PDB file of all heavy atoms in Angstrom:
ATOM      1  N   ILE A   1     108.358 171.663 -29.118  1.00  0.00           N
ATOM      2  CA  ILE A   1     107.524 171.761 -27.919  1.00  0.00           C
ATOM      3  C   ILE A   1     106.493 170.637 -27.909  1.00  0.00           C
ATOM      4  O   ILE A   1     106.301 169.955 -26.897  1.00  0.00           O
ATOM      5  CB  ILE A   1     106.825 173.137 -27.857  1.00  0.00           C
ATOM      6  CG1 ILE A   1     107.863 174.236 -27.669  1.00  0.00           C
ATOM      7  CG2 ILE A   1     105.782 173.180 -26.742  1.00  0.00           C
ATOM      8  CD1 ILE A   1     107.318 175.633 -27.868  1.00  0.00           C
ATOM      9  N   ARG A   2     105.839 170.411 -29.021  1.00  0.00           N
ATOM     10  CA  ARG A   2     104.794 169.389 -29.090  1.00  0.00           C
ATOM     11  C   ARG A   2     105.354 167.995 -28.833  1.00  0.00           C
ATOM     12  O   ARG A   2     104.709 167.160 -28.197  1.00  0.00           O
ATOM     13  CB  ARG A   2     104.123 169.447 -30.466  1.00  0.00           C
ATOM     14  CG  ARG A   2     102.906 168.549 -30.584  1.00  0.00           C
ATOM     15  CD  ARG A   2     102.196 168.769 -31.903  1.00  0.00           C
ATOM     16  NE  ARG A   2     103.086 168.567 -33.041  1.00  0.00           N
ATOM     17  CZ  ARG A   2     102.716 168.740 -34.316  1.00  0.00           C
ATOM     18  NH1 ARG A   2     101.482 169.143 -34.582  1.00  0.00           N
ATOM     19  NH2 ARG A   2     103.576 168.532 -35.288  1.00  0.00           N
ATOM     20  N   SER A   3     106.591 167.751 -29.316  1.00  0.00           N
ATOM     21  CA  SER A   3     107.187 166.434 -29.112  1.00  0.00           C
ATOM     22  C   SER A   3     107.566 166.191 -27.664  1.00  0.00           C
ATOM     23  O   SER A   3     107.694 165.039 -27.233  1.00  0.00           O
ATOM     24  CB  SER A   3     108.430 166.282 -30.000  1.00  0.00           C
ATOM     25  OG  SER A   3     109.482 167.124 -29.540  1.00  0.00           O
ATOM     26  N   ARG A   4     107.770 167.284 -26.910  1.00  0.00           N
ATOM     27  CA  ARG A   4     108.174 167.130 -25.519  1.00  0.00           C
ATOM     28  C   ARG A   4     107.003 166.795 -24.599  1.00  0.00           C
ATOM     29  O   ARG A   4     107.181 166.290 -23.514  1.00  0.00           O
ATOM     30  CB  ARG A   4     108.831 168.422 -25.025  1.00  0.00           C
ATOM     31  CG  ARG A   4     110.141 168.736 -25.696  1.00  0.00           C
ATOM     32  CD  ARG A   4     111.228 167.772 -25.273  1.00  0.00           C
ATOM     33  NE  ARG A   4     111.613 167.943 -23.899  1.00  0.00           N
ATOM     34  CZ  ARG A   4     112.626 168.692 -23.483  1.00  0.00           C
ATOM     35  NH1 ARG A   4     113.340 169.356 -24.371  1.00  0.00           N
ATOM     36  NH2 ARG A   4     112.926 168.766 -22.210  1.00  0.00           N
ATOM     37  N   MET A   5     105.782 167.095 -25.031  1.00  0.00           N
ATOM     38  CA  MET A   5     104.636 166.848 -24.174  1.00  0.00           C
ATOM     39  C   MET A   5     103.419 166.577 -25.040  1.00  0.00           C
ATOM     40  O   MET A   5     102.892 167.480 -25.700  1.00  0.00           O
ATOM     41  CB  MET A   5     104.389 168.033 -23.245  1.00  0.00           C
ATOM     42  CG  MET A   5     103.399 167.734 -22.151  1.00  0.00           C
ATOM     43  SD  MET A   5     103.363 169.080 -20.926  1.00  0.00           S
ATOM     44  CE  MET A   5     102.185 168.406 -19.770  1.00  0.00           C
ATOM     45  N   ALA A   6     102.972 165.319 -25.021  1.00  0.00           N
ATOM     46  CA  ALA A   6     101.876 164.918 -25.906  1.00  0.00           C
ATOM     47  C   ALA A   6     100.594 165.692 -25.625  1.00  0.00           C
ATOM     48  O   ALA A   6      99.777 165.893 -26.518  1.00  0.00           O
ATOM     49  CB  ALA A   6     101.624 163.415 -25.757  1.00  0.00           C
ATOM     50  N   GLY A   7     100.425 166.135 -24.389  1.00  0.00           N
ATOM     51  CA  GLY A   7      99.190 166.810 -24.017  1.00  0.00           C
ATOM     52  C   GLY A   7      98.948 168.122 -24.728  1.00  0.00           C
ATOM     53  O   GLY A   7      97.824 168.627 -24.728  1.00  0.00           O
ATOM     54  N   VAL A   8      99.979 168.707 -25.332  1.00  0.00           N
ATOM     55  CA  VAL A   8      99.797 169.997 -26.013  1.00  0.00           C
ATOM     56  C   VAL A   8      99.503 169.820 -27.493  1.00  0.00           C
ATOM     57  O   VAL A   8      99.274 170.789 -28.200  1.00  0.00           O
ATOM     58  CB  VAL A   8     101.029 170.907 -25.825  1.00  0.00           C
ATOM     59  CG1 VAL A   8     101.383 171.061 -24.370  1.00  0.00           C
ATOM     60  CG2 VAL A   8     102.219 170.389 -26.627  1.00  0.00           C
ATOM     61  N   ALA A   9      99.476 168.585 -27.975  1.00  0.00           N
ATOM     62  CA  ALA A   9      99.303 168.348 -29.402  1.00  0.00           C
ATOM     63  C   ALA A   9      97.935 168.813 -29.900  1.00  0.00           C
ATOM     64  O   ALA A   9      97.763 169.093 -31.090  1.00  0.00           O
ATOM     65  CB  ALA A   9      99.490 166.866 -29.719  1.00  0.00           C
ATOM     66  N   SER A  10      96.954 168.901 -29.009  1.00  0.00           N
ATOM     67  CA  SER A  10      95.610 169.298 -29.427  1.00  0.00           C
ATOM     68  C   SER A  10      95.497 170.800 -29.672  1.00  0.00           C
ATOM     69  O   SER A  10      94.513 171.263 -30.253  1.00  0.00           O
ATOM     70  CB  SER A  10      94.589 168.875 -28.373  1.00  0.00           C
ATOM     71  OG  SER A  10      94.879 169.489 -27.121  1.00  0.00           O
ATOM     72  N   PHE A  11      96.474 171.582 -29.222  1.00  0.00           N
ATOM     73  CA  PHE A  11      96.429 173.030 -29.438  1.00  0.00           C
ATOM     74  C   PHE A  11      96.829 173.368 -30.870  1.00  0.00           C
ATOM     75  O   PHE A  11      97.677 172.703 -31.466  1.00  0.00           O
ATOM     76  CB  PHE A  11      97.366 173.747 -28.466  1.00  0.00           C
ATOM     77  CG  PHE A  11      96.929 173.672 -27.033  1.00  0.00           C
ATOM     78  CD1 PHE A  11      97.496 172.753 -26.169  1.00  0.00           C
ATOM     79  CD2 PHE A  11      95.947 174.519 -26.551  1.00  0.00           C
ATOM     80  CE1 PHE A  11      97.091 172.679 -24.848  1.00  0.00           C
ATOM     81  CE2 PHE A  11      95.538 174.451 -25.230  1.00  0.00           C
ATOM     82  CZ  PHE A  11      96.106 173.534 -24.382  1.00  0.00           C
ATOM     83  N   LYS A  12      96.241 174.409 -31.388  1.00  0.00           N
ATOM     84  CA  LYS A  12      96.544 174.842 -32.746  1.00  0.00           C
ATOM     85  C   LYS A  12      97.466 176.056 -32.709  1.00  0.00           C
ATOM     86  O   LYS A  12      97.125 177.076 -32.123  1.00  0.00           O
ATOM     87  CB  LYS A  12      95.255 175.189 -33.479  1.00  0.00           C
ATOM     88  CG  LYS A  12      94.344 173.986 -33.708  1.00  0.00           C
ATOM     89  CD  LYS A  12      93.096 174.393 -34.471  1.00  0.00           C
ATOM     90  CE  LYS A  12      92.204 173.183 -34.715  1.00  0.00           C
ATOM     91  NZ  LYS A  12      90.972 173.546 -35.460  1.00  0.00           N
ATOM     92  N   PRO A  13      98.623 175.955 -33.332  1.00  0.00           N
ATOM     93  CA  PRO A  13      99.539 177.102 -33.350  1.00  0.00           C
ATOM     94  C   PRO A  13      99.112 178.139 -34.386  1.00  0.00           C
ATOM     95  O   PRO A  13      98.447 177.821 -35.383  1.00  0.00           O
ATOM     96  CB  PRO A  13     100.878 176.477 -33.728  1.00  0.00           C
ATOM     97  CG  PRO A  13     100.500 175.305 -34.578  1.00  0.00           C
ATOM     98  CD  PRO A  13      99.211 174.781 -34.008  1.00  0.00           C
ATOM     99  N   ARG A  14      99.486 179.365 -34.137  1.00  0.00           N
ATOM    100  CA  ARG A  14      99.264 180.436 -35.115  1.00  0.00           C
ATOM    101  C   ARG A  14     100.601 181.120 -35.339  1.00  0.00           C
ATOM    102  O   ARG A  14     101.279 181.486 -34.386  1.00  0.00           O
ATOM    103  CB  ARG A  14      98.231 181.433 -34.567  1.00  0.00           C
ATOM    104  CG  ARG A  14      97.853 182.502 -35.587  1.00  0.00           C
ATOM    105  CD  ARG A  14      96.656 183.306 -35.116  1.00  0.00           C
ATOM    106  NE  ARG A  14      97.022 184.269 -34.094  1.00  0.00           N
ATOM    107  CZ  ARG A  14      96.126 185.030 -33.441  1.00  0.00           C
ATOM    108  NH1 ARG A  14      94.838 184.873 -33.692  1.00  0.00           N
ATOM    109  NH2 ARG A  14      96.526 185.888 -32.539  1.00  0.00           N
ATOM    110  N   PHE A  15     100.975 181.288 -36.598  1.00  0.00           N
ATOM    111  CA  PHE A  15     102.250 181.890 -36.950  1.00  0.00           C
ATOM    112  C   PHE A  15     101.986 183.279 -37.521  1.00  0.00           C
ATOM    113  O   PHE A  15     101.366 183.413 -38.587  1.00  0.00           O
ATOM    114  CB  PHE A  15     102.991 181.015 -37.967  1.00  0.00           C
ATOM    115  CG  PHE A  15     103.218 179.599 -37.494  1.00  0.00           C
ATOM    116  CD1 PHE A  15     102.444 178.563 -37.980  1.00  0.00           C
ATOM    117  CD2 PHE A  15     104.186 179.314 -36.546  1.00  0.00           C
ATOM    118  CE1 PHE A  15     102.627 177.262 -37.538  1.00  0.00           C
ATOM    119  CE2 PHE A  15     104.390 178.011 -36.096  1.00  0.00           C
ATOM    120  CZ  PHE A  15     103.607 176.988 -36.592  1.00  0.00           C
ATOM    121  N   ASP A  16     102.433 184.288 -36.805  1.00  0.00           N
ATOM    122  CA  ASP A  16     102.203 185.674 -37.218  1.00  0.00           C
ATOM    123  C   ASP A  16     103.533 186.385 -37.443  1.00  0.00           C
ATOM    124  O   ASP A  16     104.411 186.356 -36.571  1.00  0.00           O
ATOM    125  CB  ASP A  16     101.408 186.439 -36.155  1.00  0.00           C
ATOM    126  CG  ASP A  16      99.988 185.933 -36.011  1.00  0.00           C
ATOM    127  OD1 ASP A  16      99.468 185.384 -36.995  1.00  0.00           O
ATOM    128  OD2 ASP A  16      99.406 186.091 -34.913  1.00  0.00           O
ATOM    129  N   ALA A  17     103.656 187.040 -38.586  1.00  0.00           N
ATOM    130  CA  ALA A  17     104.862 187.827 -38.873  1.00  0.00           C
ATOM    131  C   ALA A  17     104.883 189.080 -38.006  1.00  0.00           C
ATOM    132  O   ALA A  17     103.848 189.710 -37.768  1.00  0.00           O
ATOM    133  CB  ALA A  17     104.890 188.208 -40.345  1.00  0.00           C
ATOM    134  N   VAL A  18     106.056 189.424 -37.488  1.00  0.00           N
ATOM    135  CA  VAL A  18     106.227 190.642 -36.696  1.00  0.00           C
ATOM    136  C   VAL A  18     106.406 191.800 -37.663  1.00  0.00           C
ATOM    137  O   VAL A  18     107.339 191.783 -38.484  1.00  0.00           O
ATOM    138  CB  VAL A  18     107.444 190.531 -35.754  1.00  0.00           C
ATOM    139  CG1 VAL A  18     107.629 191.834 -34.975  1.00  0.00           C
ATOM    140  CG2 VAL A  18     107.277 189.350 -34.812  1.00  0.00           C
ATOM    141  N   PRO A  19     105.532 192.816 -37.621  1.00  0.00           N
ATOM    142  CA  PRO A  19     105.632 193.920 -38.575  1.00  0.00           C
ATOM    143  C   PRO A  19     106.997 194.602 -38.534  1.00  0.00           C
ATOM    144  O   PRO A  19     107.516 194.932 -37.468  1.00  0.00           O
ATOM    145  CB  PRO A  19     104.532 194.882 -38.103  1.00  0.00           C
ATOM    146  CG  PRO A  19     103.550 194.016 -37.386  1.00  0.00           C
ATOM    147  CD  PRO A  19     104.380 192.961 -36.714  1.00  0.00           C
ATOM    148  N   GLY A  20     107.611 194.763 -39.687  1.00  0.00           N
ATOM    149  CA  GLY A  20     108.883 195.471 -39.801  1.00  0.00           C
ATOM    150  C   GLY A  20     110.097 194.688 -39.371  1.00  0.00           C
ATOM    151  O   GLY A  20     111.211 195.226 -39.357  1.00  0.00           O
ATOM    152  N   LYS A  21     109.916 193.409 -39.006  1.00  0.00           N
ATOM    153  CA  LYS A  21     111.054 192.597 -38.559  1.00  0.00           C
ATOM    154  C   LYS A  21     110.998 191.224 -39.222  1.00  0.00           C
ATOM    155  O   LYS A  21     109.912 190.711 -39.507  1.00  0.00           O
ATOM    156  CB  LYS A  21     111.049 192.441 -37.033  1.00  0.00           C
ATOM    157  CG  LYS A  21     111.246 193.742 -36.280  1.00  0.00           C
ATOM    158  CD  LYS A  21     111.279 193.488 -34.770  1.00  0.00           C
ATOM    159  CE  LYS A  21     111.474 194.795 -34.006  1.00  0.00           C
ATOM    160  NZ  LYS A  21     111.514 194.569 -32.541  1.00  0.00           N
ATOM    161  N   PRO A  22     112.159 190.592 -39.433  1.00  0.00           N
ATOM    162  CA  PRO A  22     112.178 189.263 -40.067  1.00  0.00           C
ATOM    163  C   PRO A  22     111.896 188.154 -39.037  1.00  0.00           C
ATOM    164  O   PRO A  22     112.647 187.174 -38.945  1.00  0.00           O
ATOM    165  CB  PRO A  22     113.598 189.174 -40.631  1.00  0.00           C
ATOM    166  CG  PRO A  22     114.418 189.975 -39.665  1.00  0.00           C
ATOM    167  CD  PRO A  22     113.539 191.109 -39.216  1.00  0.00           C
ATOM    168  N   LEU A  23     110.850 188.324 -38.267  1.00  0.00           N
ATOM    169  CA  LEU A  23     110.536 187.379 -37.200  1.00  0.00           C
ATOM    170  C   LEU A  23     109.107 186.870 -37.351  1.00  0.00           C
ATOM    171  O   LEU A  23     108.234 187.564 -37.888  1.00  0.00           O
ATOM    172  CB  LEU A  23     110.688 188.051 -35.832  1.00  0.00           C
ATOM    173  CG  LEU A  23     112.084 188.549 -35.449  1.00  0.00           C
ATOM    174  CD1 LEU A  23     112.030 189.316 -34.138  1.00  0.00           C
ATOM    175  CD2 LEU A  23     113.058 187.370 -35.339  1.00  0.00           C
ATOM    176  N   VAL A  24     108.889 185.657 -36.856  1.00  0.00           N
ATOM    177  CA  VAL A  24     107.555 185.060 -36.864  1.00  0.00           C
ATOM    178  C   VAL A  24     107.224 184.627 -35.435  1.00  0.00           C
ATOM    179  O   VAL A  24     107.987 183.882 -34.807  1.00  0.00           O
ATOM    180  CB  VAL A  24     107.480 183.848 -37.813  1.00  0.00           C
ATOM    181  CG1 VAL A  24     106.116 183.170 -37.710  1.00  0.00           C
ATOM    182  CG2 VAL A  24     107.762 184.285 -39.243  1.00  0.00           C
ATOM    183  N   ARG A  25     106.086 185.114 -34.944  1.00  0.00           N
ATOM    184  CA  ARG A  25     105.624 184.734 -33.612  1.00  0.00           C
ATOM    185  C   ARG A  25     104.895 183.393 -33.683  1.00  0.00           C
ATOM    186  O   ARG A  25     104.184 183.115 -34.649  1.00  0.00           O
ATOM    187  CB  ARG A  25     104.640 185.761 -33.049  1.00  0.00           C
ATOM    188  CG  ARG A  25     105.199 187.149 -32.821  1.00  0.00           C
ATOM    189  CD  ARG A  25     104.161 187.973 -32.065  1.00  0.00           C
ATOM    190  NE  ARG A  25     104.581 189.368 -31.921  1.00  0.00           N
ATOM    191  CZ  ARG A  25     104.140 190.359 -32.677  1.00  0.00           C
ATOM    192  NH1 ARG A  25     103.269 190.110 -33.661  1.00  0.00           N
ATOM    193  NH2 ARG A  25     104.558 191.591 -32.468  1.00  0.00           N
ATOM    194  N   VAL A  26     105.093 182.602 -32.623  1.00  0.00           N
ATOM    195  CA  VAL A  26     104.317 181.370 -32.475  1.00  0.00           C
ATOM    196  C   VAL A  26     103.365 181.573 -31.306  1.00  0.00           C
ATOM    197  O   VAL A  26     103.792 181.752 -30.160  1.00  0.00           O
ATOM    198  CB  VAL A  26     105.218 180.148 -32.204  1.00  0.00           C
ATOM    199  CG1 VAL A  26     104.371 178.892 -32.034  1.00  0.00           C
ATOM    200  CG2 VAL A  26     106.228 179.969 -33.315  1.00  0.00           C
ATOM    201  N   GLN A  27     102.077 181.554 -31.601  1.00  0.00           N
ATOM    202  CA  GLN A  27     101.067 181.668 -30.563  1.00  0.00           C
ATOM    203  C   GLN A  27     100.170 180.439 -30.603  1.00  0.00           C
ATOM    204  O   GLN A  27      99.926 179.870 -31.675  1.00  0.00           O
ATOM    205  CB  GLN A  27     100.231 182.935 -30.747  1.00  0.00           C
ATOM    206  CG  GLN A  27     101.032 184.218 -30.562  1.00  0.00           C
ATOM    207  CD  GLN A  27     100.166 185.462 -30.600  1.00  0.00           C
ATOM    208  OE1 GLN A  27      98.965 185.389 -30.860  1.00  0.00           O
ATOM    209  NE2 GLN A  27     100.778 186.615 -30.355  1.00  0.00           N
ATOM    210  N   VAL A  28      99.693 180.050 -29.429  1.00  0.00           N
ATOM    211  CA  VAL A  28      98.871 178.855 -29.304  1.00  0.00           C
ATOM    212  C   VAL A  28      97.624 179.198 -28.519  1.00  0.00           C
ATOM    213  O   VAL A  28      97.685 179.922 -27.523  1.00  0.00           O
ATOM    214  CB  VAL A  28      99.645 177.716 -28.601  1.00  0.00           C
ATOM    215  CG1 VAL A  28      98.786 176.469 -28.496  1.00  0.00           C
ATOM    216  CG2 VAL A  28     100.928 177.410 -29.349  1.00  0.00           C
ATOM    217  N   GLY A  29      96.501 178.663 -28.960  1.00  0.00           N
ATOM    218  CA  GLY A  29      95.265 178.910 -28.247  1.00  0.00           C
ATOM    219  C   GLY A  29      94.083 178.764 -29.188  1.00  0.00           C
ATOM    220  O   GLY A  29      94.238 178.353 -30.342  1.00  0.00           O
ATOM    221  N   PRO A  30      92.898 179.127 -28.722  1.00  0.00           N
ATOM    222  CA  PRO A  30      92.660 179.614 -27.367  1.00  0.00           C
ATOM    223  C   PRO A  30      92.718 178.482 -26.349  1.00  0.00           C
ATOM    224  O   PRO A  30      92.434 177.340 -26.679  1.00  0.00           O
ATOM    225  CB  PRO A  30      91.241 180.182 -27.455  1.00  0.00           C
ATOM    226  CG  PRO A  30      90.589 179.352 -28.519  1.00  0.00           C
ATOM    227  CD  PRO A  30      91.667 179.069 -29.536  1.00  0.00           C
ATOM    228  N   VAL A  31      93.124 178.801 -25.137  1.00  0.00           N
ATOM    229  CA  VAL A  31      93.126 177.807 -24.068  1.00  0.00           C
ATOM    230  C   VAL A  31      91.794 177.877 -23.337  1.00  0.00           C
ATOM    231  O   VAL A  31      91.180 178.939 -23.238  1.00  0.00           O
ATOM    232  CB  VAL A  31      94.291 178.036 -23.090  1.00  0.00           C
ATOM    233  CG1 VAL A  31      95.610 177.742 -23.767  1.00  0.00           C
ATOM    234  CG2 VAL A  31      94.281 179.444 -22.543  1.00  0.00           C
ATOM    235  N   THR A  32      91.355 176.760 -22.831  1.00  0.00           N
ATOM    236  CA  THR A  32      90.044 176.705 -22.190  1.00  0.00           C
ATOM    237  C   THR A  32      90.087 177.137 -20.735  1.00  0.00           C
ATOM    238  O   THR A  32      89.085 177.586 -20.185  1.00  0.00           O
ATOM    239  CB  THR A  32      89.471 175.281 -22.265  1.00  0.00           C
ATOM    240  OG1 THR A  32      90.399 174.372 -21.658  1.00  0.00           O
ATOM    241  CG2 THR A  32      89.245 174.875 -23.703  1.00  0.00           C
ATOM    242  N   ASP A  33      91.233 176.963 -20.091  1.00  0.00           N
ATOM    243  CA  ASP A  33      91.335 177.369 -18.691  1.00  0.00           C
ATOM    244  C   ASP A  33      92.808 177.543 -18.337  1.00  0.00           C
ATOM    245  O   ASP A  33      93.702 177.265 -19.136  1.00  0.00           O
ATOM    246  CB  ASP A  33      90.669 176.358 -17.746  1.00  0.00           C
ATOM    247  CG  ASP A  33      91.195 174.942 -17.925  1.00  0.00           C
ATOM    248  OD1 ASP A  33      92.381 174.778 -18.266  1.00  0.00           O
ATOM    249  OD2 ASP A  33      90.423 173.996 -17.711  1.00  0.00           O
ATOM    250  N   ARG A  34      93.047 177.985 -17.127  1.00  0.00           N
ATOM    251  CA  ARG A  34      94.433 178.239 -16.717  1.00  0.00           C
ATOM    252  C   ARG A  34      95.245 176.967 -16.594  1.00  0.00           C
ATOM    253  O   ARG A  34      96.458 176.974 -16.775  1.00  0.00           O
ATOM    254  CB  ARG A  34      94.435 179.000 -15.398  1.00  0.00           C
ATOM    255  CG  ARG A  34      94.051 180.430 -15.586  1.00  0.00           C
ATOM    256  CD  ARG A  34      94.088 181.147 -14.268  1.00  0.00           C
ATOM    257  NE  ARG A  34      93.042 182.150 -14.291  1.00  0.00           N
ATOM    258  CZ  ARG A  34      92.587 182.772 -13.243  1.00  0.00           C
ATOM    259  NH1 ARG A  34      93.076 182.501 -12.077  1.00  0.00           N
ATOM    260  NH2 ARG A  34      91.655 183.681 -13.338  1.00  0.00           N
ATOM    261  N   ALA A  35      94.572 175.869 -16.237  1.00  0.00           N
ATOM    262  CA  ALA A  35      95.310 174.610 -16.132  1.00  0.00           C
ATOM    263  C   ALA A  35      95.952 174.267 -17.473  1.00  0.00           C
ATOM    264  O   ALA A  35      97.106 173.818 -17.526  1.00  0.00           O
ATOM    265  CB  ALA A  35      94.374 173.490 -15.680  1.00  0.00           C
ATOM    266  N   ASP A  36      95.217 174.474 -18.576  1.00  0.00           N
ATOM    267  CA  ASP A  36      95.782 174.225 -19.898  1.00  0.00           C
ATOM    268  C   ASP A  36      96.930 175.185 -20.193  1.00  0.00           C
ATOM    269  O   ASP A  36      97.956 174.801 -20.763  1.00  0.00           O
ATOM    270  CB  ASP A  36      94.700 174.387 -20.968  1.00  0.00           C
ATOM    271  CG  ASP A  36      93.825 173.150 -21.106  1.00  0.00           C
ATOM    272  OD1 ASP A  36      94.248 172.080 -20.625  1.00  0.00           O
ATOM    273  OD2 ASP A  36      92.739 173.260 -21.689  1.00  0.00           O
ATOM    274  N   ALA A  37      96.743 176.458 -19.807  1.00  0.00           N
ATOM    275  CA  ALA A  37      97.792 177.449 -20.062  1.00  0.00           C
ATOM    276  C   ALA A  37      99.055 177.110 -19.286  1.00  0.00           C
ATOM    277  O   ALA A  37     100.179 177.194 -19.819  1.00  0.00           O
ATOM    278  CB  ALA A  37      97.297 178.838 -19.677  1.00  0.00           C
ATOM    279  N   ILE A  38      98.900 176.720 -18.048  1.00  0.00           N
ATOM    280  CA  ILE A  38     100.054 176.383 -17.210  1.00  0.00           C
ATOM    281  C   ILE A  38     100.736 175.121 -17.728  1.00  0.00           C
ATOM    282  O   ILE A  38     101.965 175.020 -17.770  1.00  0.00           O
ATOM    283  CB  ILE A  38      99.611 176.240 -15.752  1.00  0.00           C
ATOM    284  CG1 ILE A  38      99.272 177.622 -15.184  1.00  0.00           C
ATOM    285  CG2 ILE A  38     100.692 175.570 -14.897  1.00  0.00           C
ATOM    286  CD1 ILE A  38      98.591 177.600 -13.839  1.00  0.00           C
TER     287      ILE A  38
END
């Protein structure tokens, strides 16, 4: 995702394990406004 759009490189990802499942969530933020989120 970061390689596809340089503008998102400033966001910090957070990797959280899903309880009871072999999955890891990727979350990014906090965003400062909706324009950043969009």
